């Protein structure tokens, strides 16, 4: 009797949605800005408002990149349902909001590193 490995079952059942992909990208951005040496220490020198604006800009860029992906032939290969239309920009509002929530949640629950000479 031939059995399917568990990893294959998981991969075959996972179909990424724009919401899950944007949330994952937001979590990764938060972790990168918190822990990558050089970037994290520079990011910590910014005041709260600038930090939020930088992160918002990054998340908007990720959302626009997903529209660009939808307009390429690569999106069909990846099984993404987003079409390349004017309304696809409006379709990205929900994933962008969810990405903002995931990003800020990750930032709040991850431990903060301290840097010499940097006051938070």
PDB file of N, CA and C in Angstrom:
ATOM      1  N   UNK A   1       0.844  -1.183   0.000  1.00  0.00           N
ATOM      2  CA  UNK A   1       0.000   0.000   0.000  1.00  0.00           C
ATOM      3  C   UNK A   1       0.889   1.246   0.000  1.00  0.00           C
ATOM      4  N   UNK A   2       0.600   2.142  -0.912  1.00  0.00           N
ATOM      5  CA  UNK A   2       1.407   3.363  -1.046  1.00  0.00           C
ATOM      6  C   UNK A   2       0.744   4.495  -0.260  1.00  0.00           C
ATOM      7  N   UNK A   3       1.530   5.152   0.577  1.00  0.00           N
ATOM      8  CA  UNK A   3       0.986   6.271   1.348  1.00  0.00           C
ATOM      9  C   UNK A   3       1.638   7.567   0.903  1.00  0.00           C
ATOM     10  N   UNK A   4       0.895   8.649   1.052  1.00  0.00           N
ATOM     11  CA  UNK A   4       1.398   9.963   0.692  1.00  0.00           C
ATOM     12  C   UNK A   4       2.067  10.586   1.912  1.00  0.00           C
ATOM     13  N   UNK A   5       3.294  11.099   1.752  1.00  0.00           N
ATOM     14  CA  UNK A   5       3.962  11.745   2.897  1.00  0.00           C
ATOM     15  C   UNK A   5       3.152  12.936   3.401  1.00  0.00           C
ATOM     16  N   UNK A   6       3.163  13.175   4.723  1.00  0.00           N
ATOM     17  CA  UNK A   6       2.383  14.292   5.288  1.00  0.00           C
ATOM     18  C   UNK A   6       2.726  15.643   4.683  1.00  0.00           C
ATOM     19  N   UNK A   7       3.993  15.874   4.341  1.00  0.00           N
ATOM     20  CA  UNK A   7       4.375  17.162   3.767  1.00  0.00           C
ATOM     21  C   UNK A   7       3.680  17.382   2.429  1.00  0.00           C
ATOM     22  N   UNK A   8       3.534  16.340   1.643  1.00  0.00           N
ATOM     23  CA  UNK A   8       2.871  16.451   0.347  1.00  0.00           C
ATOM     24  C   UNK A   8       1.405  16.802   0.530  1.00  0.00           C
ATOM     25  N   UNK A   9       0.769  16.214   1.518  1.00  0.00           N
ATOM     26  CA  UNK A   9      -0.637  16.518   1.790  1.00  0.00           C
ATOM     27  C   UNK A   9      -0.789  17.987   2.168  1.00  0.00           C
ATOM     28  N   UNK A  10       0.103  18.480   3.016  1.00  0.00           N
ATOM     29  CA  UNK A  10       0.035  19.878   3.438  1.00  0.00           C
ATOM     30  C   UNK A  10       0.237  20.815   2.260  1.00  0.00           C
ATOM     31  N   UNK A  11       1.228  20.537   1.422  1.00  0.00           N
ATOM     32  CA  UNK A  11       1.500  21.404   0.273  1.00  0.00           C
ATOM     33  C   UNK A  11       0.345  21.380  -0.708  1.00  0.00           C
ATOM     34  N   UNK A  12      -0.232  20.228  -0.942  1.00  0.00           N
ATOM     35  CA  UNK A  12      -1.332  20.121  -1.891  1.00  0.00           C
ATOM     36  C   UNK A  12      -2.596  20.819  -1.404  1.00  0.00           C
ATOM     37  N   UNK A  13      -2.776  20.971  -0.116  1.00  0.00           N
ATOM     38  CA  UNK A  13      -3.982  21.593   0.420  1.00  0.00           C
ATOM     39  C   UNK A  13      -3.838  23.089   0.653  1.00  0.00           C
ATOM     40  N   UNK A  14      -2.632  23.603   0.652  1.00  0.00           N
ATOM     41  CA  UNK A  14      -2.421  25.020   0.933  1.00  0.00           C
ATOM     42  C   UNK A  14      -2.499  25.818  -0.354  1.00  0.00           C
ATOM     43  N   UNK A  15      -3.493  26.686  -0.417  1.00  0.00           N
ATOM     44  CA  UNK A  15      -3.615  27.612  -1.534  1.00  0.00           C
ATOM     45  C   UNK A  15      -3.505  29.007  -0.946  1.00  0.00           C
ATOM     46  N   UNK A  16      -2.395  29.687  -1.197  1.00  0.00           N
ATOM     47  CA  UNK A  16      -2.202  30.998  -0.580  1.00  0.00           C
ATOM     48  C   UNK A  16      -3.211  32.020  -1.107  1.00  0.00           C
ATOM     49  N   UNK A  17      -3.761  32.765  -0.188  1.00  0.00           N
ATOM     50  CA  UNK A  17      -4.682  33.843  -0.554  1.00  0.00           C
ATOM     51  C   UNK A  17      -3.925  35.159  -0.455  1.00  0.00           C
ATOM     52  N   UNK A  18      -4.437  36.211  -1.083  1.00  0.00           N
ATOM     53  CA  UNK A  18      -3.777  37.513  -0.924  1.00  0.00           C
ATOM     54  C   UNK A  18      -3.670  37.932   0.544  1.00  0.00           C
ATOM     55  N   UNK A  19      -4.687  37.579   1.342  1.00  0.00           N
ATOM     56  CA  UNK A  19      -4.677  37.935   2.759  1.00  0.00           C
ATOM     57  C   UNK A  19      -3.567  37.216   3.514  1.00  0.00           C
ATOM     58  N   UNK A  20      -3.434  35.905   3.266  1.00  0.00           N
ATOM     59  CA  UNK A  20      -2.404  35.155   3.991  1.00  0.00           C
ATOM     60  C   UNK A  20      -1.001  35.561   3.536  1.00  0.00           C
ATOM     61  N   UNK A  21      -0.828  35.815   2.253  1.00  0.00           N
ATOM     62  CA  UNK A  21       0.485  36.235   1.764  1.00  0.00           C
ATOM     63  C   UNK A  21       0.873  37.613   2.285  1.00  0.00           C
ATOM     64  N   UNK A  22      -0.071  38.536   2.316  1.00  0.00           N
ATOM     65  CA  UNK A  22       0.262  39.878   2.809  1.00  0.00           C
ATOM     66  C   UNK A  22       0.527  39.852   4.309  1.00  0.00           C
ATOM     67  N   UNK A  23      -0.210  39.027   5.042  1.00  0.00           N
ATOM     68  CA  UNK A  23       0.041  38.913   6.478  1.00  0.00           C
ATOM     69  C   UNK A  23       1.415  38.294   6.749  1.00  0.00           C
ATOM     70  N   UNK A  24       1.766  37.290   5.979  1.00  0.00           N
ATOM     71  CA  UNK A  24       3.085  36.675   6.131  1.00  0.00           C
ATOM     72  C   UNK A  24       4.184  37.672   5.802  1.00  0.00           C
ATOM     73  N   UNK A  25       4.016  38.433   4.725  1.00  0.00           N
ATOM     74  CA  UNK A  25       5.005  39.456   4.367  1.00  0.00           C
ATOM     75  C   UNK A  25       5.123  40.508   5.462  1.00  0.00           C
ATOM     76  N   UNK A  26       4.005  40.883   6.070  1.00  0.00           N
ATOM     77  CA  UNK A  26       4.022  41.879   7.139  1.00  0.00           C
ATOM     78  C   UNK A  26       4.759  41.367   8.367  1.00  0.00           C
ATOM     79  N   UNK A  27       4.545  40.114   8.708  1.00  0.00           N
ATOM     80  CA  UNK A  27       5.244  39.520   9.847  1.00  0.00           C
ATOM     81  C   UNK A  27       6.747  39.472   9.575  1.00  0.00           C
ATOM     82  N   UNK A  28       7.107  39.059   8.365  1.00  0.00           N
ATOM     83  CA  UNK A  28       8.529  39.005   8.010  1.00  0.00           C
ATOM     84  C   UNK A  28       9.164  40.390   8.029  1.00  0.00           C
ATOM     85  N   UNK A  29       8.453  41.398   7.535  1.00  0.00           N
ATOM     86  CA  UNK A  29       8.983  42.770   7.582  1.00  0.00           C
ATOM     87  C   UNK A  29       9.220  43.220   9.016  1.00  0.00           C
ATOM     88  N   UNK A  30       8.284  42.929   9.882  1.00  0.00           N
ATOM     89  CA  UNK A  30       8.436  43.321  11.277  1.00  0.00           C
ATOM     90  C   UNK A  30       9.658  42.648  11.901  1.00  0.00           C
ATOM     91  N   UNK A  31       9.835  41.361  11.625  1.00  0.00           N
ATOM     92  CA  UNK A  31      10.979  40.644  12.181  1.00  0.00           C
ATOM     93  C   UNK A  31      12.298  41.144  11.593  1.00  0.00           C
ATOM     94  N   UNK A  32      12.308  41.456  10.306  1.00  0.00           N
ATOM     95  CA  UNK A  32      13.521  41.984   9.668  1.00  0.00           C
ATOM     96  C   UNK A  32      13.902  43.321  10.284  1.00  0.00           C
ATOM     97  N   UNK A  33      12.924  44.218  10.441  1.00  0.00           N
ATOM     98  CA  UNK A  33      13.227  45.528  11.008  1.00  0.00           C
ATOM     99  C   UNK A  33      13.574  45.441  12.493  1.00  0.00           C
ATOM    100  N   UNK A  34      13.188  44.364  13.154  1.00  0.00           N
ATOM    101  CA  UNK A  34      13.512  44.206  14.571  1.00  0.00           C
ATOM    102  C   UNK A  34      14.857  43.537  14.810  1.00  0.00           C
ATOM    103  N   UNK A  35      15.279  42.643  13.909  1.00  0.00           N
ATOM    104  CA  UNK A  35      16.421  41.792  14.236  1.00  0.00           C
ATOM    105  C   UNK A  35      17.600  41.831  13.273  1.00  0.00           C
ATOM    106  N   UNK A  36      17.468  42.390  12.084  1.00  0.00           N
ATOM    107  CA  UNK A  36      18.600  42.412  11.151  1.00  0.00           C
ATOM    108  C   UNK A  36      19.593  43.478  11.622  1.00  0.00           C
ATOM    109  N   UNK A  37      20.837  43.069  11.861  1.00  0.00           N
ATOM    110  CA  UNK A  37      21.835  44.032  12.342  1.00  0.00           C
ATOM    111  C   UNK A  37      22.016  45.187  11.350  1.00  0.00           C
ATOM    112  N   UNK A  38      22.207  46.352  11.876  1.00  0.00           N
ATOM    113  CA  UNK A  38      22.348  47.542  11.045  1.00  0.00           C
ATOM    114  C   UNK A  38      21.004  48.180  10.757  1.00  0.00           C
ATOM    115  N   UNK A  39      20.121  47.415  10.171  1.00  0.00           N
ATOM    116  CA  UNK A  39      18.781  47.933   9.874  1.00  0.00           C
ATOM    117  C   UNK A  39      17.993  48.151  11.160  1.00  0.00           C
ATOM    118  N   UNK A  40      18.063  47.190  12.064  1.00  0.00           N
ATOM    119  CA  UNK A  40      17.296  47.308  13.301  1.00  0.00           C
ATOM    120  C   UNK A  40      17.795  48.457  14.174  1.00  0.00           C
ATOM    121  N   UNK A  41      19.107  48.653  14.246  1.00  0.00           N
ATOM    122  CA  UNK A  41      19.614  49.747  15.078  1.00  0.00           C
ATOM    123  C   UNK A  41      19.263  51.101  14.462  1.00  0.00           C
ATOM    124  N   UNK A  42      19.288  51.200  13.144  1.00  0.00           N
ATOM    125  CA  UNK A  42      18.885  52.454  12.488  1.00  0.00           C
ATOM    126  C   UNK A  42      17.381  52.701  12.656  1.00  0.00           C
ATOM    127  N   UNK A  43      16.597  51.643  12.546  1.00  0.00           N
ATOM    128  CA  UNK A  43      15.139  51.756  12.688  1.00  0.00           C
ATOM    129  C   UNK A  43      14.767  52.205  14.101  1.00  0.00           C
ATOM    130  N   UNK A  44      15.496  51.724  15.088  1.00  0.00           N
ATOM    131  CA  UNK A  44      15.207  52.089  16.478  1.00  0.00           C
ATOM    132  C   UNK A  44      15.497  53.555  16.776  1.00  0.00           C
ATOM    133  N   UNK A  45      16.325  54.205  15.972  1.00  0.00           N
ATOM    134  CA  UNK A  45      16.611  55.622  16.206  1.00  0.00           C
ATOM    135  C   UNK A  45      15.467  56.527  15.756  1.00  0.00           C
ATOM    136  N   UNK A  46      14.545  55.989  14.960  1.00  0.00           N
ATOM    137  CA  UNK A  46      13.408  56.789  14.478  1.00  0.00           C
ATOM    138  C   UNK A  46      12.385  56.966  15.592  1.00  0.00           C
ATOM    139  N   UNK A  47      11.664  58.076  15.549  1.00  0.00           N
ATOM    140  CA  UNK A  47      10.584  58.249  16.522  1.00  0.00           C
ATOM    141  C   UNK A  47       9.390  57.392  16.090  1.00  0.00           C
ATOM    142  N   UNK A  48       8.402  57.273  16.964  1.00  0.00           N
ATOM    143  CA  UNK A  48       7.259  56.389  16.734  1.00  0.00           C
ATOM    144  C   UNK A  48       6.506  56.672  15.447  1.00  0.00           C
ATOM    145  N   UNK A  49       6.276  57.934  15.141  1.00  0.00           N
ATOM    146  CA  UNK A  49       5.525  58.287  13.937  1.00  0.00           C
ATOM    147  C   UNK A  49       6.296  57.901  12.679  1.00  0.00           C
ATOM    148  N   UNK A  50       7.586  58.131  12.676  1.00  0.00           N
ATOM    149  CA  UNK A  50       8.392  57.774  11.495  1.00  0.00           C
ATOM    150  C   UNK A  50       8.478  56.263  11.321  1.00  0.00           C
ATOM    151  N   UNK A  51       8.560  55.529  12.427  1.00  0.00           N
ATOM    152  CA  UNK A  51       8.570  54.069  12.342  1.00  0.00           C
ATOM    153  C   UNK A  51       7.291  53.574  11.670  1.00  0.00           C
ATOM    154  N   UNK A  52       6.171  54.118  12.096  1.00  0.00           N
ATOM    155  CA  UNK A  52       4.889  53.693  11.524  1.00  0.00           C
ATOM    156  C   UNK A  52       4.798  54.043  10.050  1.00  0.00           C
ATOM    157  N   UNK A  53       5.295  55.216   9.667  1.00  0.00           N
ATOM    158  CA  UNK A  53       5.265  55.618   8.261  1.00  0.00           C
ATOM    159  C   UNK A  53       6.178  54.744   7.399  1.00  0.00           C
ATOM    160  N   UNK A  54       7.353  54.412   7.918  1.00  0.00           N
ATOM    161  CA  UNK A  54       8.262  53.532   7.179  1.00  0.00           C
ATOM    162  C   UNK A  54       7.599  52.175   6.964  1.00  0.00           C
ATOM    163  N   UNK A  55       7.010  51.639   8.008  1.00  0.00           N
ATOM    164  CA  UNK A  55       6.380  50.322   7.897  1.00  0.00           C
ATOM    165  C   UNK A  55       5.170  50.367   6.970  1.00  0.00           C
ATOM    166  N   UNK A  56       4.370  51.433   7.061  1.00  0.00           N
ATOM    167  CA  UNK A  56       3.227  51.584   6.158  1.00  0.00           C
ATOM    168  C   UNK A  56       3.700  51.644   4.709  1.00  0.00           C
ATOM    169  N   UNK A  57       4.763  52.403   4.456  1.00  0.00           N
ATOM    170  CA  UNK A  57       5.314  52.490   3.103  1.00  0.00           C
ATOM    171  C   UNK A  57       5.766  51.138   2.587  1.00  0.00           C
ATOM    172  N   UNK A  58       6.439  50.368   3.435  1.00  0.00           N
ATOM    173  CA  UNK A  58       6.891  49.036   3.032  1.00  0.00           C
ATOM    174  C   UNK A  58       5.712  48.125   2.713  1.00  0.00           C
ATOM    175  N   UNK A  59       4.678  48.180   3.535  1.00  0.00           N
ATOM    176  CA  UNK A  59       3.509  47.334   3.310  1.00  0.00           C
ATOM    177  C   UNK A  59       2.732  47.747   2.060  1.00  0.00           C
ATOM    178  N   UNK A  60       2.671  49.039   1.788  1.00  0.00           N
ATOM    179  CA  UNK A  60       2.030  49.495   0.550  1.00  0.00           C
ATOM    180  C   UNK A  60       2.844  49.007  -0.651  1.00  0.00           C
ATOM    181  N   UNK A  61       4.177  49.045  -0.553  1.00  0.00           N
ATOM    182  CA  UNK A  61       5.016  48.532  -1.639  1.00  0.00           C
ATOM    183  C   UNK A  61       4.785  47.041  -1.867  1.00  0.00           C
ATOM    184  N   UNK A  62       4.630  46.289  -0.785  1.00  0.00           N
ATOM    185  CA  UNK A  62       4.346  44.855  -0.920  1.00  0.00           C
ATOM    186  C   UNK A  62       2.999  44.656  -1.614  1.00  0.00           C
ATOM    187  N   UNK A  63       2.011  45.462  -1.256  1.00  0.00           N
ATOM    188  CA  UNK A  63       0.700  45.347  -1.891  1.00  0.00           C
ATOM    189  C   UNK A  63       0.764  45.700  -3.369  1.00  0.00           C
ATOM    190  N   UNK A  64       1.502  46.748  -3.697  1.00  0.00           N
ATOM    191  CA  UNK A  64       1.647  47.129  -5.104  1.00  0.00           C
ATOM    192  C   UNK A  64       2.435  46.074  -5.877  1.00  0.00           C
ATOM    193  N   UNK A  65       3.388  45.441  -5.217  1.00  0.00           N
ATOM    194  CA  UNK A  65       4.129  44.363  -5.866  1.00  0.00           C
ATOM    195  C   UNK A  65       3.218  43.185  -6.177  1.00  0.00           C
ATOM    196  N   UNK A  66       2.247  42.932  -5.318  1.00  0.00           N
ATOM    197  CA  UNK A  66       1.317  41.835  -5.600  1.00  0.00           C
ATOM    198  C   UNK A  66       0.429  42.165  -6.792  1.00  0.00           C
ATOM    199  N   UNK A  67       0.099  43.443  -6.982  1.00  0.00           N
ATOM    200  CA  UNK A  67      -0.638  43.837  -8.186  1.00  0.00           C
ATOM    201  C   UNK A  67       0.250  43.639  -9.410  1.00  0.00           C
ATOM    202  N   UNK A  68       1.518  44.015  -9.293  1.00  0.00           N
ATOM    203  CA  UNK A  68       2.455  43.786 -10.387  1.00  0.00           C
ATOM    204  C   UNK A  68       2.603  42.306 -10.702  1.00  0.00           C
ATOM    205  N   UNK A  69       2.613  41.480  -9.657  1.00  0.00           N
ATOM    206  CA  UNK A  69       2.683  40.037  -9.844  1.00  0.00           C
ATOM    207  C   UNK A  69       1.440  39.538 -10.570  1.00  0.00           C
ATOM    208  N   UNK A  70       0.289  40.090 -10.204  1.00  0.00           N
ATOM    209  CA  UNK A  70      -0.963  39.678 -10.856  1.00  0.00           C
ATOM    210  C   UNK A  70      -0.957  40.038 -12.328  1.00  0.00           C
ATOM    211  N   UNK A  71      -0.279  41.114 -12.681  1.00  0.00           N
ATOM    212  CA  UNK A  71      -0.226  41.550 -14.076  1.00  0.00           C
ATOM    213  C   UNK A  71       0.815  40.785 -14.881  1.00  0.00           C
ATOM    214  N   UNK A  72       1.605  39.970 -14.226  1.00  0.00           N
ATOM    215  CA  UNK A  72       2.593  39.161 -14.942  1.00  0.00           C
ATOM    216  C   UNK A  72       2.046  37.750 -15.123  1.00  0.00           C
ATOM    217  N   UNK A  73       2.686  37.000 -15.953  1.00  0.00           N
ATOM    218  CA  UNK A  73       2.243  35.616 -16.172  1.00  0.00           C
ATOM    219  C   UNK A  73       2.616  34.720 -14.999  1.00  0.00           C
ATOM    220  N   UNK A  74       3.499  35.183 -14.131  1.00  0.00           N
ATOM    221  CA  UNK A  74       3.924  34.391 -12.985  1.00  0.00           C
ATOM    222  C   UNK A  74       2.778  34.140 -12.009  1.00  0.00           C
ATOM    223  N   UNK A  75       1.849  35.069 -11.907  1.00  0.00           N
ATOM    224  CA  UNK A  75       0.728  34.913 -10.980  1.00  0.00           C
ATOM    225  C   UNK A  75      -0.115  33.694 -11.321  1.00  0.00           C
ATOM    226  N   UNK A  76      -0.373  33.477 -12.579  1.00  0.00           N
ATOM    227  CA  UNK A  76      -1.153  32.308 -12.987  1.00  0.00           C
ATOM    228  C   UNK A  76      -0.414  31.024 -12.632  1.00  0.00           C
ATOM    229  N   UNK A  77       0.900  31.034 -12.774  1.00  0.00           N
ATOM    230  CA  UNK A  77       1.693  29.853 -12.433  1.00  0.00           C
ATOM    231  C   UNK A  77       1.635  29.547 -10.941  1.00  0.00           C
ATOM    232  N   UNK A  78       1.499  30.596 -10.121  1.00  0.00           N
ATOM    233  CA  UNK A  78       1.441  30.414  -8.673  1.00  0.00           C
ATOM    234  C   UNK A  78       0.028  30.173  -8.169  1.00  0.00           C
ATOM    235  N   UNK A  79      -0.962  30.251  -9.039  1.00  0.00           N
ATOM    236  CA  UNK A  79      -2.349  30.001  -8.656  1.00  0.00           C
ATOM    237  C   UNK A  79      -2.991  31.145  -7.913  1.00  0.00           C
ATOM    238  N   UNK A  80      -2.537  32.374  -8.161  1.00  0.00           N
ATOM    239  CA  UNK A  80      -3.107  33.532  -7.476  1.00  0.00           C
ATOM    240  C   UNK A  80      -4.381  33.992  -8.188  1.00  0.00           C
ATOM    241  N   UNK A  81      -5.455  34.222  -7.427  1.00  0.00           N
ATOM    242  CA  UNK A  81      -6.728  34.592  -8.037  1.00  0.00           C
ATOM    243  C   UNK A  81      -6.843  36.070  -8.423  1.00  0.00           C
ATOM    244  N   UNK A  82      -5.881  36.891  -8.048  1.00  0.00           N
ATOM    245  CA  UNK A  82      -5.967  38.321  -8.304  1.00  0.00           C
ATOM    246  C   UNK A  82      -5.762  38.606  -9.781  1.00  0.00           C
ATOM    247  N   UNK A  83      -6.694  39.321 -10.386  1.00  0.00           N
ATOM    248  CA  UNK A  83      -6.606  39.653 -11.805  1.00  0.00           C
ATOM    249  C   UNK A  83      -5.962  41.023 -11.976  1.00  0.00           C
ATOM    250  N   UNK A  84      -5.479  41.278 -13.163  1.00  0.00           N
ATOM    251  CA  UNK A  84      -4.843  42.557 -13.455  1.00  0.00           C
ATOM    252  C   UNK A  84      -5.886  43.519 -14.009  1.00  0.00           C
ATOM    253  N   UNK A  85      -6.625  44.158 -13.110  1.00  0.00           N
ATOM    254  CA  UNK A  85      -7.661  45.107 -13.500  1.00  0.00           C
ATOM    255  C   UNK A  85      -7.590  46.320 -12.586  1.00  0.00           C
ATOM    256  N   UNK A  86      -8.353  47.341 -12.941  1.00  0.00           N
ATOM    257  CA  UNK A  86      -8.411  48.524 -12.057  1.00  0.00           C
ATOM    258  C   UNK A  86      -9.010  48.168 -10.699  1.00  0.00           C
ATOM    259  N   UNK A  87      -9.978  47.290 -10.708  1.00  0.00           N
ATOM    260  CA  UNK A  87     -10.613  46.932  -9.438  1.00  0.00           C
ATOM    261  C   UNK A  87      -9.695  46.120  -8.538  1.00  0.00           C
ATOM    262  N   UNK A  88      -8.600  45.563  -9.094  1.00  0.00           N
ATOM    263  CA  UNK A  88      -7.685  44.795  -8.250  1.00  0.00           C
ATOM    264  C   UNK A  88      -6.993  45.692  -7.223  1.00  0.00           C
ATOM    265  N   UNK A  89      -6.856  46.972  -7.525  1.00  0.00           N
ATOM    266  CA  UNK A  89      -6.313  47.903  -6.529  1.00  0.00           C
ATOM    267  C   UNK A  89      -7.240  48.006  -5.329  1.00  0.00           C
ATOM    268  N   UNK A  90      -8.544  48.026  -5.577  1.00  0.00           N
ATOM    269  CA  UNK A  90      -9.499  48.069  -4.470  1.00  0.00           C
ATOM    270  C   UNK A  90      -9.540  46.737  -3.735  1.00  0.00           C
ATOM    271  N   UNK A  91      -9.301  45.660  -4.457  1.00  0.00           N
ATOM    272  CA  UNK A  91      -9.290  44.336  -3.839  1.00  0.00           C
ATOM    273  C   UNK A  91      -8.159  44.218  -2.813  1.00  0.00           C
ATOM    274  N   UNK A  92      -7.107  44.996  -2.971  1.00  0.00           N
ATOM    275  CA  UNK A  92      -5.962  44.921  -2.068  1.00  0.00           C
ATOM    276  C   UNK A  92      -6.170  45.660  -0.754  1.00  0.00           C
ATOM    277  N   UNK A  93      -7.257  46.382  -0.619  1.00  0.00           N
ATOM    278  CA  UNK A  93      -7.483  47.126   0.627  1.00  0.00           C
ATOM    279  C   UNK A  93      -7.591  46.177   1.816  1.00  0.00           C
ATOM    280  N   UNK A  94      -8.331  45.100   1.687  1.00  0.00           N
ATOM    281  CA  UNK A  94      -8.508  44.159   2.796  1.00  0.00           C
ATOM    282  C   UNK A  94      -7.184  43.485   3.173  1.00  0.00           C
ATOM    283  N   UNK A  95      -6.420  42.929   2.223  1.00  0.00           N
ATOM    284  CA  UNK A  95      -5.123  42.355   2.616  1.00  0.00           C
ATOM    285  C   UNK A  95      -4.167  43.378   3.220  1.00  0.00           C
ATOM    286  N   UNK A  96      -4.220  44.617   2.759  1.00  0.00           N
ATOM    287  CA  UNK A  96      -3.341  45.644   3.312  1.00  0.00           C
ATOM    288  C   UNK A  96      -3.689  45.923   4.770  1.00  0.00           C
ATOM    289  N   UNK A  97      -4.957  46.013   5.084  1.00  0.00           N
ATOM    290  CA  UNK A  97      -5.377  46.245   6.475  1.00  0.00           C
ATOM    291  C   UNK A  97      -4.968  45.064   7.346  1.00  0.00           C
ATOM    292  N   UNK A  98      -5.174  43.843   6.851  1.00  0.00           N
ATOM    293  CA  UNK A  98      -4.768  42.663   7.618  1.00  0.00           C
ATOM    294  C   UNK A  98      -3.245  42.612   7.796  1.00  0.00           C
ATOM    295  N   UNK A  99      -2.516  43.053   6.779  1.00  0.00           N
ATOM    296  CA  UNK A  99      -1.054  43.099   6.889  1.00  0.00           C
ATOM    297  C   UNK A  99      -0.626  44.104   7.953  1.00  0.00           C
ATOM    298  N   UNK A 100      -1.288  45.250   7.998  1.00  0.00           N
ATOM    299  CA  UNK A 100      -0.972  46.247   9.029  1.00  0.00           C
ATOM    300  C   UNK A 100      -1.213  45.687  10.423  1.00  0.00           C
ATOM    301  N   UNK A 101      -2.309  44.972  10.594  1.00  0.00           N
ATOM    302  CA  UNK A 101      -2.625  44.367  11.900  1.00  0.00           C
ATOM    303  C   UNK A 101      -1.575  43.324  12.265  1.00  0.00           C
ATOM    304  N   UNK A 102      -1.236  42.448  11.323  1.00  0.00           N
ATOM    305  CA  UNK A 102      -0.243  41.404  11.594  1.00  0.00           C
ATOM    306  C   UNK A 102       1.120  42.014  11.905  1.00  0.00           C
ATOM    307  N   UNK A 103       1.485  43.056  11.165  1.00  0.00           N
ATOM    308  CA  UNK A 103       2.772  43.710  11.362  1.00  0.00           C
ATOM    309  C   UNK A 103       2.873  44.332  12.743  1.00  0.00           C
ATOM    310  N   UNK A 104       1.870  45.091  13.125  1.00  0.00           N
ATOM    311  CA  UNK A 104       1.910  45.760  14.421  1.00  0.00           C
ATOM    312  C   UNK A 104       1.807  44.775  15.574  1.00  0.00           C
ATOM    313  N   UNK A 105       1.031  43.715  15.387  1.00  0.00           N
ATOM    314  CA  UNK A 105       0.940  42.682  16.424  1.00  0.00           C
ATOM    315  C   UNK A 105       2.282  42.007  16.636  1.00  0.00           C
ATOM    316  N   UNK A 106       2.956  41.695  15.543  1.00  0.00           N
ATOM    317  CA  UNK A 106       4.271  41.063  15.637  1.00  0.00           C
ATOM    318  C   UNK A 106       5.265  41.996  16.318  1.00  0.00           C
ATOM    319  N   UNK A 107       5.225  43.261  15.955  1.00  0.00           N
ATOM    320  CA  UNK A 107       6.137  44.232  16.560  1.00  0.00           C
ATOM    321  C   UNK A 107       5.907  44.332  18.074  1.00  0.00           C
ATOM    322  N   UNK A 108       4.653  44.303  18.482  1.00  0.00           N
ATOM    323  CA  UNK A 108       4.349  44.444  19.907  1.00  0.00           C
ATOM    324  C   UNK A 108       4.742  43.223  20.728  1.00  0.00           C
ATOM    325  N   UNK A 109       4.682  42.024  20.141  1.00  0.00           N
ATOM    326  CA  UNK A 109       4.951  40.826  20.950  1.00  0.00           C
ATOM    327  C   UNK A 109       6.395  40.338  20.871  1.00  0.00           C
ATOM    328  N   UNK A 110       7.184  40.862  19.934  1.00  0.00           N
ATOM    329  CA  UNK A 110       8.580  40.411  19.860  1.00  0.00           C
ATOM    330  C   UNK A 110       9.432  41.169  20.870  1.00  0.00           C
ATOM    331  N   UNK A 111      10.404  40.465  21.446  1.00  0.00           N
ATOM    332  CA  UNK A 111      11.282  41.136  22.413  1.00  0.00           C
ATOM    333  C   UNK A 111      12.092  42.232  21.728  1.00  0.00           C
ATOM    334  N   UNK A 112      12.302  43.308  22.438  1.00  0.00           N
ATOM    335  CA  UNK A 112      13.063  44.442  21.903  1.00  0.00           C
ATOM    336  C   UNK A 112      14.518  44.306  22.283  1.00  0.00           C
ATOM    337  N   UNK A 113      15.386  44.599  21.336  1.00  0.00           N
ATOM    338  CA  UNK A 113      16.818  44.604  21.602  1.00  0.00           C
ATOM    339  C   UNK A 113      17.213  46.005  22.019  1.00  0.00           C
ATOM    340  N   UNK A 114      18.247  46.102  22.823  1.00  0.00           N
ATOM    341  CA  UNK A 114      18.750  47.427  23.215  1.00  0.00           C
ATOM    342  C   UNK A 114      20.073  47.672  22.515  1.00  0.00           C
ATOM    343  N   UNK A 115      20.307  48.920  22.173  1.00  0.00           N
ATOM    344  CA  UNK A 115      21.521  49.317  21.470  1.00  0.00           C
ATOM    345  C   UNK A 115      22.200  50.427  22.265  1.00  0.00           C
ATOM    346  N   UNK A 116      23.522  50.359  22.381  1.00  0.00           N
ATOM    347  CA  UNK A 116      24.228  51.414  23.103  1.00  0.00           C
ATOM    348  C   UNK A 116      24.010  52.774  22.434  1.00  0.00           C
ATOM    349  N   UNK A 117      23.669  53.765  23.217  1.00  0.00           N
ATOM    350  CA  UNK A 117      23.496  55.116  22.701  1.00  0.00           C
ATOM    351  C   UNK A 117      22.158  55.380  22.058  1.00  0.00           C
ATOM    352  N   UNK A 118      21.260  54.399  22.022  1.00  0.00           N
ATOM    353  CA  UNK A 118      19.942  54.571  21.407  1.00  0.00           C
ATOM    354  C   UNK A 118      18.898  54.531  22.502  1.00  0.00           C
ATOM    355  N   UNK A 119      18.106  55.593  22.590  1.00  0.00           N
ATOM    356  CA  UNK A 119      17.011  55.613  23.560  1.00  0.00           C
ATOM    357  C   UNK A 119      15.709  55.451  22.818  1.00  0.00           C
ATOM    358  N   UNK A 120      14.858  54.582  23.318  1.00  0.00           N
ATOM    359  CA  UNK A 120      13.578  54.309  22.656  1.00  0.00           C
ATOM    360  C   UNK A 120      12.525  55.308  23.045  1.00  0.00           C
TER     361      UNK A 120
END
